[in-house]
C-alpha cells in the first residue's frame, strides 16, 4: 500500500488488488443499493428511462448492486461543492477541489497546493481537514470579512457547477473551506485515502 502513496501511477494488477481490499465510499456512507434496499429499487424504477422496454424485474436485475447516491442528503461526506455527475466515476462523495482556488487569499498557497496531492493518506487527509477548518476559523475571528452572502454559489449556480467568480464573497469562501475541511476529516477519519482528480 505504501507504493500507492509514493507513486500514484499504479499497475493494473495493483489497482485490482487495491479494489479487492478497499471499502468503497458508497458502503461507508450507506448509499442504498438496487436489489437490496426497497428505496433504491423504487428510485431506480421511478427514474427508469421512458424508452426502456425492459420489464421492471429485468431492469432491477440489470442494475442490481448499483448504489443510489441521489437518496442521500448533503452531509460532511456528501458535499455541496461537488462535480458529481459531470464525469464518469465521480459520485456525490467527491469534493470539487478547484473551489478552493477562489479561497487562496484565506487559506494561503501552501494549503491550496496540498489539495492537489495525488493520493493523500487517511491520517494526512484528517490533518489537512483540521488545517482548513483552523484557517477558516482564524479568518472568521479576525474581523477581516469584506462581503457577506450566504449560499451565493449554491443559489446562483446549483451544487454541481463550478463558478468562475473573481470576487467570491468572503462568507461563501468560508463555506467552501469549512465544507472541504469537514469532508477531508469525514473520509480521512474513516480510513479512506483521498485521490486528486485533475
N, C-alpha and C. Protein backbone atom coordinates (compact mmCIF):
# COMPACT_ATOMS: atom_id res chain seq x y z
N UNK A 1 0.82 -1.19 0.00
CA UNK A 1 0.00 0.00 0.00
C UNK A 1 0.87 1.26 0.00
N UNK A 2 2.04 1.19 0.64
CA UNK A 2 2.90 2.38 0.68
C UNK A 2 3.34 2.81 -0.71
N UNK A 3 3.44 1.85 -1.67
CA UNK A 3 3.80 2.20 -3.04
C UNK A 3 2.79 3.16 -3.64
N UNK A 4 1.55 3.02 -3.24
CA UNK A 4 0.49 3.88 -3.76
C UNK A 4 0.75 5.34 -3.42
N UNK A 5 1.22 5.60 -2.21
CA UNK A 5 1.45 6.98 -1.78
C UNK A 5 2.73 7.55 -2.38
N UNK A 6 3.68 6.68 -2.71
CA UNK A 6 4.92 7.14 -3.33
C UNK A 6 4.74 7.39 -4.82
N UNK A 7 3.91 6.55 -5.46
CA UNK A 7 3.73 6.64 -6.91
C UNK A 7 2.28 6.32 -7.26
N UNK A 8 1.47 7.34 -7.47
CA UNK A 8 0.05 7.10 -7.74
C UNK A 8 -0.22 6.45 -9.10
N UNK A 9 0.81 6.38 -9.97
CA UNK A 9 0.66 5.67 -11.24
C UNK A 9 0.85 4.19 -10.95
N UNK A 10 -0.24 3.48 -10.77
CA UNK A 10 -0.15 2.08 -10.36
C UNK A 10 -0.50 1.16 -11.52
N UNK A 11 0.01 -0.06 -11.42
CA UNK A 11 -0.24 -1.06 -12.45
C UNK A 11 -1.68 -1.55 -12.36
N UNK A 12 -2.13 -2.21 -13.43
CA UNK A 12 -3.48 -2.79 -13.42
C UNK A 12 -3.61 -3.83 -12.32
N UNK A 13 -2.54 -4.59 -12.11
CA UNK A 13 -2.55 -5.62 -11.07
C UNK A 13 -2.69 -4.99 -9.68
N UNK A 14 -1.96 -3.92 -9.44
CA UNK A 14 -2.04 -3.24 -8.14
C UNK A 14 -3.41 -2.58 -7.96
N UNK A 15 -3.95 -2.03 -9.05
CA UNK A 15 -5.26 -1.41 -8.96
C UNK A 15 -6.32 -2.45 -8.64
N UNK A 16 -6.23 -3.63 -9.25
CA UNK A 16 -7.18 -4.71 -8.97
C UNK A 16 -7.08 -5.13 -7.51
N UNK A 17 -5.85 -5.22 -7.00
CA UNK A 17 -5.66 -5.60 -5.60
C UNK A 17 -6.21 -4.53 -4.66
N UNK A 18 -6.00 -3.29 -5.02
CA UNK A 18 -6.50 -2.18 -4.21
C UNK A 18 -8.02 -2.22 -4.12
N UNK A 19 -8.68 -2.46 -5.24
CA UNK A 19 -10.14 -2.55 -5.25
C UNK A 19 -10.62 -3.76 -4.44
N UNK A 20 -9.86 -4.82 -4.47
CA UNK A 20 -10.22 -6.04 -3.75
C UNK A 20 -10.21 -5.83 -2.24
N UNK A 21 -9.27 -5.02 -1.75
CA UNK A 21 -9.13 -4.85 -0.29
C UNK A 21 -9.75 -3.56 0.23
N UNK A 22 -10.35 -2.77 -0.66
CA UNK A 22 -10.89 -1.48 -0.25
C UNK A 22 -12.38 -1.54 0.03
N UNK A 23 -12.81 -0.63 0.88
CA UNK A 23 -14.24 -0.41 1.10
C UNK A 23 -14.61 0.83 0.30
N UNK A 24 -15.59 0.69 -0.58
CA UNK A 24 -15.96 1.82 -1.42
C UNK A 24 -16.67 2.89 -0.59
N UNK A 25 -16.54 4.15 -1.01
CA UNK A 25 -17.19 5.24 -0.27
C UNK A 25 -18.70 5.05 -0.09
N UNK A 26 -19.37 4.51 -1.11
CA UNK A 26 -20.81 4.31 -1.01
C UNK A 26 -21.19 3.37 0.12
N UNK A 27 -20.34 2.40 0.39
CA UNK A 27 -20.60 1.49 1.51
C UNK A 27 -20.39 2.20 2.83
N UNK A 28 -19.31 2.96 2.90
CA UNK A 28 -19.02 3.70 4.14
C UNK A 28 -20.16 4.64 4.49
N UNK A 29 -20.67 5.35 3.50
CA UNK A 29 -21.67 6.38 3.77
C UNK A 29 -23.10 5.83 3.79
N UNK A 30 -23.25 4.57 3.39
CA UNK A 30 -24.55 3.93 3.49
C UNK A 30 -25.51 4.25 2.36
N UNK A 31 -24.99 4.45 1.14
CA UNK A 31 -25.87 4.69 -0.01
C UNK A 31 -26.69 3.44 -0.29
N UNK A 32 -28.01 3.58 -0.42
CA UNK A 32 -28.87 2.42 -0.69
C UNK A 32 -28.48 1.71 -1.99
N UNK A 33 -28.73 0.40 -2.02
CA UNK A 33 -28.30 -0.44 -3.14
C UNK A 33 -29.51 -1.03 -3.86
N UNK A 34 -29.50 -0.93 -5.19
CA UNK A 34 -30.55 -1.54 -6.00
C UNK A 34 -30.45 -3.06 -5.85
N UNK A 35 -31.59 -3.68 -5.63
CA UNK A 35 -31.62 -5.13 -5.45
C UNK A 35 -31.52 -5.57 -4.01
N UNK A 36 -31.26 -4.61 -3.12
CA UNK A 36 -31.17 -4.90 -1.69
C UNK A 36 -32.09 -4.01 -0.88
N UNK A 37 -32.12 -2.72 -1.24
CA UNK A 37 -32.88 -1.74 -0.47
C UNK A 37 -34.11 -1.30 -1.26
N UNK A 38 -35.30 -1.44 -0.67
CA UNK A 38 -36.54 -1.08 -1.38
C UNK A 38 -36.55 0.36 -1.88
N UNK A 39 -35.98 1.30 -1.10
CA UNK A 39 -35.97 2.70 -1.54
C UNK A 39 -35.10 2.88 -2.78
N UNK A 40 -34.02 2.10 -2.90
CA UNK A 40 -33.17 2.17 -4.10
C UNK A 40 -33.90 1.58 -5.30
N UNK A 41 -34.62 0.47 -5.09
CA UNK A 41 -35.40 -0.12 -6.18
C UNK A 41 -36.46 0.87 -6.66
N UNK A 42 -37.17 1.50 -5.72
CA UNK A 42 -38.23 2.44 -6.08
C UNK A 42 -37.65 3.62 -6.84
N UNK A 43 -36.50 4.13 -6.41
CA UNK A 43 -35.86 5.26 -7.09
C UNK A 43 -35.46 4.86 -8.50
N UNK A 44 -34.86 3.68 -8.63
CA UNK A 44 -34.42 3.21 -9.95
C UNK A 44 -35.60 3.09 -10.91
N UNK A 45 -36.69 2.53 -10.45
CA UNK A 45 -37.86 2.38 -11.32
C UNK A 45 -38.48 3.73 -11.66
N UNK A 46 -38.49 4.64 -10.69
CA UNK A 46 -39.04 5.97 -10.92
C UNK A 46 -38.21 6.75 -11.95
N UNK A 47 -36.92 6.47 -11.99
CA UNK A 47 -36.01 7.17 -12.89
C UNK A 47 -35.64 6.34 -14.12
N UNK A 48 -36.36 5.28 -14.33
CA UNK A 48 -36.16 4.43 -15.50
C UNK A 48 -36.46 5.24 -16.76
N UNK A 49 -35.62 5.11 -17.74
CA UNK A 49 -35.79 5.85 -18.99
C UNK A 49 -37.12 5.48 -19.65
N UNK A 50 -37.79 6.47 -20.17
CA UNK A 50 -39.10 6.26 -20.80
C UNK A 50 -39.00 5.33 -22.01
N UNK A 51 -37.83 5.30 -22.66
CA UNK A 51 -37.70 4.44 -23.84
C UNK A 51 -37.20 3.03 -23.51
N UNK A 52 -37.05 2.73 -22.21
CA UNK A 52 -36.65 1.39 -21.82
C UNK A 52 -37.85 0.45 -21.94
N UNK A 53 -37.65 -0.65 -22.65
CA UNK A 53 -38.74 -1.61 -22.81
C UNK A 53 -38.57 -2.82 -21.90
N UNK A 54 -37.60 -2.75 -20.98
CA UNK A 54 -37.39 -3.87 -20.05
C UNK A 54 -38.50 -3.91 -19.01
N UNK A 55 -39.00 -5.08 -18.71
CA UNK A 55 -39.92 -5.20 -17.57
C UNK A 55 -39.19 -4.78 -16.29
N UNK A 56 -39.94 -4.32 -15.30
CA UNK A 56 -39.34 -3.81 -14.07
C UNK A 56 -38.36 -4.79 -13.43
N UNK A 57 -38.75 -6.06 -13.36
CA UNK A 57 -37.88 -7.07 -12.71
C UNK A 57 -36.55 -7.19 -13.43
N UNK A 58 -36.58 -7.20 -14.76
CA UNK A 58 -35.34 -7.30 -15.53
C UNK A 58 -34.51 -6.03 -15.39
N UNK A 59 -35.19 -4.89 -15.39
CA UNK A 59 -34.49 -3.62 -15.22
C UNK A 59 -33.75 -3.59 -13.88
N UNK A 60 -34.43 -4.01 -12.82
CA UNK A 60 -33.79 -4.02 -11.50
C UNK A 60 -32.64 -5.03 -11.46
N UNK A 61 -32.80 -6.15 -12.12
CA UNK A 61 -31.73 -7.15 -12.16
C UNK A 61 -30.52 -6.60 -12.89
N UNK A 62 -30.77 -5.86 -13.96
CA UNK A 62 -29.68 -5.27 -14.73
C UNK A 62 -28.90 -4.24 -13.91
N UNK A 63 -29.58 -3.55 -13.00
CA UNK A 63 -28.95 -2.51 -12.20
C UNK A 63 -28.64 -2.95 -10.76
N UNK A 64 -28.79 -4.22 -10.52
CA UNK A 64 -28.55 -4.77 -9.19
C UNK A 64 -27.13 -4.45 -8.72
N UNK A 65 -27.03 -3.98 -7.50
CA UNK A 65 -25.72 -3.65 -6.92
C UNK A 65 -25.33 -2.20 -7.07
N UNK A 66 -26.02 -1.44 -7.93
CA UNK A 66 -25.72 -0.01 -8.08
C UNK A 66 -26.16 0.75 -6.83
N UNK A 67 -25.34 1.67 -6.40
CA UNK A 67 -25.68 2.50 -5.25
C UNK A 67 -26.38 3.77 -5.71
N UNK A 68 -27.39 4.18 -4.95
CA UNK A 68 -28.17 5.35 -5.31
C UNK A 68 -27.80 6.50 -4.38
N UNK A 69 -26.81 7.28 -4.80
CA UNK A 69 -26.35 8.42 -4.01
C UNK A 69 -27.38 9.53 -3.97
N UNK A 70 -28.26 9.56 -4.97
CA UNK A 70 -29.27 10.62 -5.04
C UNK A 70 -30.22 10.59 -3.84
N UNK A 71 -30.28 9.47 -3.15
CA UNK A 71 -31.17 9.35 -1.98
C UNK A 71 -30.52 9.86 -0.70
N UNK A 72 -29.25 10.26 -0.78
CA UNK A 72 -28.54 10.74 0.40
C UNK A 72 -28.65 12.26 0.50
N UNK A 73 -28.81 12.75 1.70
CA UNK A 73 -28.81 14.19 1.95
C UNK A 73 -27.38 14.71 2.00
N UNK A 74 -27.23 16.01 1.82
CA UNK A 74 -25.91 16.63 2.00
C UNK A 74 -25.44 16.38 3.42
N UNK A 75 -24.16 16.15 3.57
CA UNK A 75 -23.55 15.90 4.88
C UNK A 75 -22.07 16.21 4.76
N UNK A 76 -21.32 15.96 5.82
CA UNK A 76 -19.88 16.18 5.74
C UNK A 76 -19.24 15.31 4.66
N UNK A 77 -19.79 14.11 4.43
CA UNK A 77 -19.25 13.20 3.42
C UNK A 77 -19.87 13.38 2.05
N UNK A 78 -20.99 14.08 1.97
CA UNK A 78 -21.67 14.39 0.69
C UNK A 78 -21.69 15.91 0.58
N UNK A 79 -20.67 16.50 -0.04
CA UNK A 79 -20.53 17.96 -0.02
C UNK A 79 -21.44 18.68 -1.01
N UNK A 80 -21.72 19.91 -0.69
CA UNK A 80 -22.46 20.79 -1.59
C UNK A 80 -21.61 21.17 -2.80
N UNK A 81 -20.30 21.27 -2.61
CA UNK A 81 -19.38 21.70 -3.66
C UNK A 81 -18.77 20.47 -4.31
N UNK A 82 -19.45 19.94 -5.30
CA UNK A 82 -19.05 18.70 -5.94
C UNK A 82 -19.22 18.82 -7.44
N UNK A 83 -18.51 17.98 -8.18
CA UNK A 83 -18.72 17.88 -9.62
C UNK A 83 -19.33 16.52 -9.96
N UNK A 84 -20.07 15.96 -9.01
CA UNK A 84 -20.72 14.67 -9.22
C UNK A 84 -21.60 14.72 -10.45
N UNK A 85 -21.53 13.68 -11.24
CA UNK A 85 -22.35 13.60 -12.44
C UNK A 85 -21.74 14.27 -13.65
N UNK A 86 -20.70 15.07 -13.45
CA UNK A 86 -20.07 15.75 -14.58
C UNK A 86 -19.14 14.82 -15.35
N UNK A 87 -18.60 13.79 -14.68
CA UNK A 87 -17.69 12.84 -15.29
C UNK A 87 -18.06 11.44 -14.85
N UNK A 88 -17.76 10.45 -15.67
CA UNK A 88 -17.98 9.06 -15.27
C UNK A 88 -17.11 8.75 -14.06
N UNK A 89 -17.68 8.02 -13.12
CA UNK A 89 -16.93 7.59 -11.95
C UNK A 89 -16.84 8.61 -10.83
N UNK A 90 -17.41 9.78 -11.01
CA UNK A 90 -17.40 10.80 -9.96
C UNK A 90 -18.78 10.81 -9.31
N UNK A 91 -18.84 10.35 -8.07
CA UNK A 91 -20.13 10.28 -7.40
C UNK A 91 -20.28 11.43 -6.41
N UNK A 92 -21.39 11.44 -5.69
CA UNK A 92 -21.70 12.56 -4.78
C UNK A 92 -20.76 12.62 -3.58
N UNK A 93 -19.92 11.63 -3.41
CA UNK A 93 -18.95 11.67 -2.30
C UNK A 93 -17.75 12.55 -2.65
N UNK A 94 -17.64 12.98 -3.90
CA UNK A 94 -16.47 13.75 -4.31
C UNK A 94 -16.61 15.22 -3.93
N UNK A 95 -15.47 15.85 -3.69
CA UNK A 95 -15.42 17.29 -3.44
C UNK A 95 -14.67 17.94 -4.59
N UNK A 96 -15.22 18.99 -5.14
CA UNK A 96 -14.58 19.70 -6.25
C UNK A 96 -13.51 20.63 -5.69
N UNK A 97 -12.28 20.12 -5.66
CA UNK A 97 -11.18 20.84 -5.03
C UNK A 97 -10.88 22.18 -5.64
N UNK A 98 -11.22 22.38 -6.93
CA UNK A 98 -10.89 23.66 -7.55
C UNK A 98 -11.69 24.82 -6.97
N UNK A 99 -12.75 24.54 -6.21
CA UNK A 99 -13.43 25.63 -5.49
C UNK A 99 -12.47 26.33 -4.52
N UNK A 100 -11.50 25.56 -4.02
CA UNK A 100 -10.54 26.14 -3.07
C UNK A 100 -9.64 27.19 -3.72
N UNK A 101 -9.51 27.15 -5.05
CA UNK A 101 -8.68 28.13 -5.73
C UNK A 101 -9.20 29.55 -5.48
N UNK A 102 -10.51 29.70 -5.34
CA UNK A 102 -11.08 31.02 -5.07
C UNK A 102 -10.90 31.45 -3.62
N UNK A 103 -10.33 30.56 -2.81
CA UNK A 103 -10.19 30.82 -1.37
C UNK A 103 -8.73 30.98 -0.96
N UNK A 104 -7.83 31.07 -1.93
CA UNK A 104 -6.40 31.13 -1.63
C UNK A 104 -6.05 32.32 -0.75
N UNK A 105 -6.77 33.42 -0.89
CA UNK A 105 -6.46 34.59 -0.06
C UNK A 105 -6.75 34.33 1.42
N UNK A 106 -7.54 33.31 1.72
CA UNK A 106 -7.81 32.97 3.12
C UNK A 106 -6.92 31.82 3.59
N UNK A 107 -6.79 30.77 2.75
CA UNK A 107 -6.04 29.58 3.20
C UNK A 107 -4.56 29.63 2.88
N UNK A 108 -4.16 30.46 1.93
CA UNK A 108 -2.76 30.57 1.55
C UNK A 108 -2.38 29.53 0.51
N UNK A 109 -1.26 29.78 -0.16
CA UNK A 109 -0.85 28.93 -1.28
C UNK A 109 -0.43 27.53 -0.83
N UNK A 110 0.18 27.41 0.37
CA UNK A 110 0.63 26.09 0.82
C UNK A 110 -0.55 25.15 1.05
N UNK A 111 -1.59 25.64 1.72
CA UNK A 111 -2.77 24.79 1.94
C UNK A 111 -3.48 24.49 0.63
N UNK A 112 -3.50 25.44 -0.28
CA UNK A 112 -4.12 25.20 -1.57
C UNK A 112 -3.38 24.09 -2.32
N UNK A 113 -2.06 24.15 -2.34
CA UNK A 113 -1.27 23.14 -3.05
C UNK A 113 -1.52 21.74 -2.49
N UNK A 114 -1.72 21.63 -1.18
CA UNK A 114 -1.96 20.32 -0.58
C UNK A 114 -3.21 19.65 -1.12
N UNK A 115 -4.18 20.44 -1.56
CA UNK A 115 -5.42 19.86 -2.10
C UNK A 115 -5.14 19.04 -3.36
N UNK A 116 -4.02 19.29 -4.02
CA UNK A 116 -3.69 18.59 -5.26
C UNK A 116 -2.73 17.42 -5.03
N UNK A 117 -2.61 16.96 -3.79
CA UNK A 117 -1.81 15.76 -3.52
C UNK A 117 -2.45 14.60 -4.27
N UNK A 118 -1.66 13.89 -5.07
CA UNK A 118 -2.22 12.81 -5.91
C UNK A 118 -3.02 11.81 -5.08
N UNK A 119 -2.37 11.22 -4.08
CA UNK A 119 -3.04 10.29 -3.19
C UNK A 119 -2.64 10.67 -1.77
N UNK A 120 -3.61 11.10 -0.97
CA UNK A 120 -3.35 11.54 0.40
C UNK A 120 -3.74 10.44 1.38
N UNK A 121 -2.81 10.12 2.27
CA UNK A 121 -3.09 9.11 3.29
C UNK A 121 -4.27 9.57 4.16
N UNK A 122 -5.05 8.61 4.69
CA UNK A 122 -6.19 8.99 5.53
C UNK A 122 -5.82 9.91 6.69
N UNK A 123 -4.73 9.61 7.38
CA UNK A 123 -4.34 10.44 8.52
C UNK A 123 -3.92 11.84 8.07
N UNK A 124 -3.32 11.93 6.87
CA UNK A 124 -2.95 13.24 6.32
C UNK A 124 -4.19 14.02 5.89
N UNK A 125 -5.19 13.30 5.37
CA UNK A 125 -6.45 13.94 4.98
C UNK A 125 -7.15 14.51 6.20
N UNK A 126 -7.17 13.76 7.28
CA UNK A 126 -7.78 14.22 8.52
C UNK A 126 -7.06 15.48 9.03
N UNK A 127 -5.74 15.45 8.99
CA UNK A 127 -4.93 16.60 9.43
C UNK A 127 -5.17 17.80 8.52
N UNK A 128 -5.23 17.55 7.22
CA UNK A 128 -5.48 18.64 6.26
C UNK A 128 -6.85 19.27 6.51
N UNK A 129 -7.84 18.44 6.76
CA UNK A 129 -9.17 18.96 7.09
C UNK A 129 -9.14 19.88 8.29
N UNK A 130 -8.39 19.46 9.32
CA UNK A 130 -8.25 20.30 10.51
C UNK A 130 -7.57 21.63 10.18
N UNK A 131 -6.56 21.59 9.32
CA UNK A 131 -5.86 22.82 8.94
C UNK A 131 -6.79 23.77 8.19
N UNK A 132 -7.61 23.23 7.30
CA UNK A 132 -8.57 24.08 6.58
C UNK A 132 -9.56 24.72 7.55
N UNK A 133 -10.07 23.93 8.48
CA UNK A 133 -11.04 24.45 9.45
C UNK A 133 -10.40 25.51 10.34
N UNK A 134 -9.13 25.29 10.71
CA UNK A 134 -8.42 26.29 11.53
C UNK A 134 -8.23 27.59 10.76
N UNK A 135 -7.88 27.48 9.46
CA UNK A 135 -7.69 28.68 8.64
C UNK A 135 -9.00 29.46 8.54
N UNK A 136 -10.10 28.75 8.34
CA UNK A 136 -11.40 29.42 8.26
C UNK A 136 -11.76 30.08 9.58
N UNK A 137 -11.51 29.39 10.67
CA UNK A 137 -11.83 29.93 12.00
C UNK A 137 -10.99 31.17 12.31
N UNK A 138 -9.71 31.12 11.98
CA UNK A 138 -8.84 32.28 12.21
C UNK A 138 -9.33 33.48 11.41
N UNK A 139 -9.69 33.25 10.15
CA UNK A 139 -10.18 34.34 9.32
C UNK A 139 -11.52 34.88 9.85
N UNK A 140 -12.39 33.96 10.24
CA UNK A 140 -13.70 34.35 10.77
C UNK A 140 -13.54 35.22 12.02
N UNK A 141 -12.58 34.88 12.85
CA UNK A 141 -12.36 35.62 14.10
C UNK A 141 -11.54 36.89 13.92
N UNK A 142 -10.94 37.05 12.74
CA UNK A 142 -10.06 38.21 12.53
C UNK A 142 -10.83 39.50 12.25
N UNK A 143 -12.09 39.37 11.88
CA UNK A 143 -12.87 40.56 11.56
C UNK A 143 -12.55 41.13 10.20
N UNK A 144 -11.85 40.36 9.35
CA UNK A 144 -11.44 40.86 8.04
C UNK A 144 -12.47 40.62 6.95
N UNK A 145 -13.57 39.98 7.25
CA UNK A 145 -14.53 39.65 6.20
C UNK A 145 -15.05 40.90 5.53
N UNK A 146 -15.16 40.83 4.20
CA UNK A 146 -15.49 42.01 3.42
C UNK A 146 -16.90 41.97 2.85
N UNK A 147 -17.29 40.87 2.22
CA UNK A 147 -18.60 40.79 1.59
C UNK A 147 -19.32 39.57 2.16
N UNK A 148 -20.55 39.72 2.54
CA UNK A 148 -21.30 38.61 3.10
C UNK A 148 -22.44 38.24 2.16
N UNK A 149 -22.53 36.94 1.87
CA UNK A 149 -23.62 36.47 1.03
C UNK A 149 -23.78 34.98 1.26
N UNK A 150 -24.62 34.60 2.17
CA UNK A 150 -24.80 33.19 2.50
C UNK A 150 -25.38 32.42 1.32
N UNK A 151 -24.67 31.34 0.95
CA UNK A 151 -25.17 30.46 -0.09
C UNK A 151 -25.12 31.04 -1.50
N UNK A 152 -24.25 32.01 -1.73
CA UNK A 152 -24.18 32.72 -3.00
C UNK A 152 -24.02 31.77 -4.19
N UNK A 153 -23.01 30.90 -4.16
CA UNK A 153 -22.78 30.00 -5.29
C UNK A 153 -23.90 28.98 -5.41
N UNK A 154 -24.31 28.42 -4.29
CA UNK A 154 -25.35 27.40 -4.34
C UNK A 154 -26.64 27.96 -4.91
N UNK A 155 -26.97 29.21 -4.54
CA UNK A 155 -28.21 29.82 -5.03
C UNK A 155 -28.11 30.14 -6.52
N UNK A 156 -26.98 30.67 -6.95
CA UNK A 156 -26.87 31.12 -8.33
C UNK A 156 -26.59 30.00 -9.31
N UNK A 157 -25.79 29.02 -8.88
CA UNK A 157 -25.28 28.06 -9.85
C UNK A 157 -25.65 26.61 -9.54
N UNK A 158 -26.24 26.33 -8.39
CA UNK A 158 -26.53 24.94 -8.04
C UNK A 158 -25.31 24.27 -7.47
N UNK A 159 -25.51 23.12 -6.85
CA UNK A 159 -24.41 22.48 -6.13
C UNK A 159 -23.39 21.81 -7.02
N UNK A 160 -23.70 21.54 -8.28
CA UNK A 160 -22.80 20.75 -9.09
C UNK A 160 -21.95 21.57 -10.05
N UNK A 161 -22.19 22.84 -10.16
CA UNK A 161 -21.47 23.62 -11.16
C UNK A 161 -20.34 24.40 -10.54
N UNK A 162 -19.28 24.55 -11.33
CA UNK A 162 -18.11 25.31 -10.89
C UNK A 162 -18.28 26.75 -11.35
N UNK A 163 -18.27 27.68 -10.44
CA UNK A 163 -18.42 29.09 -10.81
C UNK A 163 -17.05 29.74 -10.87
N UNK A 164 -16.79 30.44 -11.92
CA UNK A 164 -15.54 31.19 -12.04
C UNK A 164 -15.85 32.63 -11.66
N UNK A 165 -15.71 32.94 -10.40
CA UNK A 165 -16.07 34.26 -9.90
C UNK A 165 -14.85 34.88 -9.24
N UNK A 166 -14.41 36.01 -9.77
CA UNK A 166 -13.21 36.64 -9.25
C UNK A 166 -13.42 37.19 -7.84
N UNK A 167 -14.61 37.67 -7.56
CA UNK A 167 -14.86 38.30 -6.27
C UNK A 167 -15.88 37.53 -5.45
N UNK A 168 -15.60 36.26 -5.21
CA UNK A 168 -16.49 35.47 -4.38
C UNK A 168 -16.55 36.11 -2.99
N UNK A 169 -17.74 36.30 -2.45
CA UNK A 169 -17.85 36.90 -1.11
C UNK A 169 -17.13 36.06 -0.06
N UNK A 170 -16.57 36.74 0.93
CA UNK A 170 -15.81 36.03 1.97
C UNK A 170 -16.65 34.97 2.68
N UNK A 171 -17.92 35.26 2.91
CA UNK A 171 -18.77 34.29 3.60
C UNK A 171 -18.89 33.00 2.78
N UNK A 172 -18.96 33.13 1.47
CA UNK A 172 -19.03 31.96 0.60
C UNK A 172 -17.70 31.21 0.61
N UNK A 173 -16.60 31.95 0.63
CA UNK A 173 -15.30 31.30 0.71
C UNK A 173 -15.19 30.48 1.98
N UNK A 174 -15.67 31.05 3.08
CA UNK A 174 -15.63 30.32 4.35
C UNK A 174 -16.49 29.06 4.28
N UNK A 175 -17.64 29.13 3.60
CA UNK A 175 -18.48 27.94 3.43
C UNK A 175 -17.74 26.86 2.65
N UNK A 176 -17.03 27.25 1.59
CA UNK A 176 -16.27 26.30 0.78
C UNK A 176 -15.17 25.67 1.63
N UNK A 177 -14.41 26.48 2.33
CA UNK A 177 -13.29 25.98 3.14
C UNK A 177 -13.79 25.05 4.24
N UNK A 178 -14.85 25.46 4.92
CA UNK A 178 -15.38 24.62 6.01
C UNK A 178 -15.97 23.33 5.48
N UNK A 179 -16.62 23.39 4.33
CA UNK A 179 -17.15 22.18 3.71
C UNK A 179 -16.01 21.24 3.35
N UNK A 180 -14.93 21.79 2.76
CA UNK A 180 -13.77 20.97 2.41
C UNK A 180 -13.12 20.38 3.65
N UNK A 181 -12.95 21.19 4.68
CA UNK A 181 -12.32 20.69 5.91
C UNK A 181 -13.09 19.55 6.53
N UNK A 182 -14.41 19.69 6.59
CA UNK A 182 -15.24 18.63 7.17
C UNK A 182 -15.23 17.39 6.28
N UNK A 183 -15.19 17.60 4.96
CA UNK A 183 -15.14 16.48 4.02
C UNK A 183 -13.85 15.69 4.18
N UNK A 184 -12.72 16.40 4.25
CA UNK A 184 -11.44 15.71 4.44
C UNK A 184 -11.42 14.94 5.76
N UNK A 185 -11.94 15.54 6.81
CA UNK A 185 -11.98 14.86 8.11
C UNK A 185 -12.92 13.65 8.07
N UNK A 186 -14.05 13.80 7.40
CA UNK A 186 -15.00 12.69 7.32
C UNK A 186 -14.36 11.46 6.69
N UNK A 187 -13.78 11.64 5.50
CA UNK A 187 -13.23 10.49 4.78
C UNK A 187 -11.91 10.03 5.36
N UNK A 188 -11.04 10.96 5.73
CA UNK A 188 -9.78 10.56 6.34
C UNK A 188 -10.00 9.85 7.66
N UNK A 189 -10.96 10.33 8.45
CA UNK A 189 -11.26 9.72 9.74
C UNK A 189 -11.87 8.34 9.62
N UNK A 190 -12.35 7.98 8.44
CA UNK A 190 -12.93 6.66 8.21
C UNK A 190 -11.99 5.77 7.41
N UNK A 191 -10.73 6.20 7.30
CA UNK A 191 -9.70 5.35 6.69
C UNK A 191 -9.63 5.40 5.18
N UNK A 192 -10.23 6.39 4.55
CA UNK A 192 -10.20 6.46 3.10
C UNK A 192 -9.08 7.40 2.63
N UNK A 193 -8.21 6.92 1.74
CA UNK A 193 -7.25 7.85 1.11
C UNK A 193 -8.00 8.78 0.16
N UNK A 194 -7.45 9.94 -0.08
CA UNK A 194 -8.07 10.92 -0.96
C UNK A 194 -7.29 10.95 -2.27
N UNK A 195 -8.00 10.76 -3.36
CA UNK A 195 -7.40 10.78 -4.69
C UNK A 195 -7.74 12.09 -5.37
N UNK A 196 -6.73 12.80 -5.81
CA UNK A 196 -6.97 14.02 -6.58
C UNK A 196 -7.33 13.63 -8.01
N UNK A 197 -8.32 14.30 -8.57
CA UNK A 197 -8.76 14.05 -9.93
C UNK A 197 -8.59 15.34 -10.71
N UNK A 198 -7.80 15.29 -11.76
CA UNK A 198 -7.48 16.52 -12.50
C UNK A 198 -8.32 16.64 -13.74
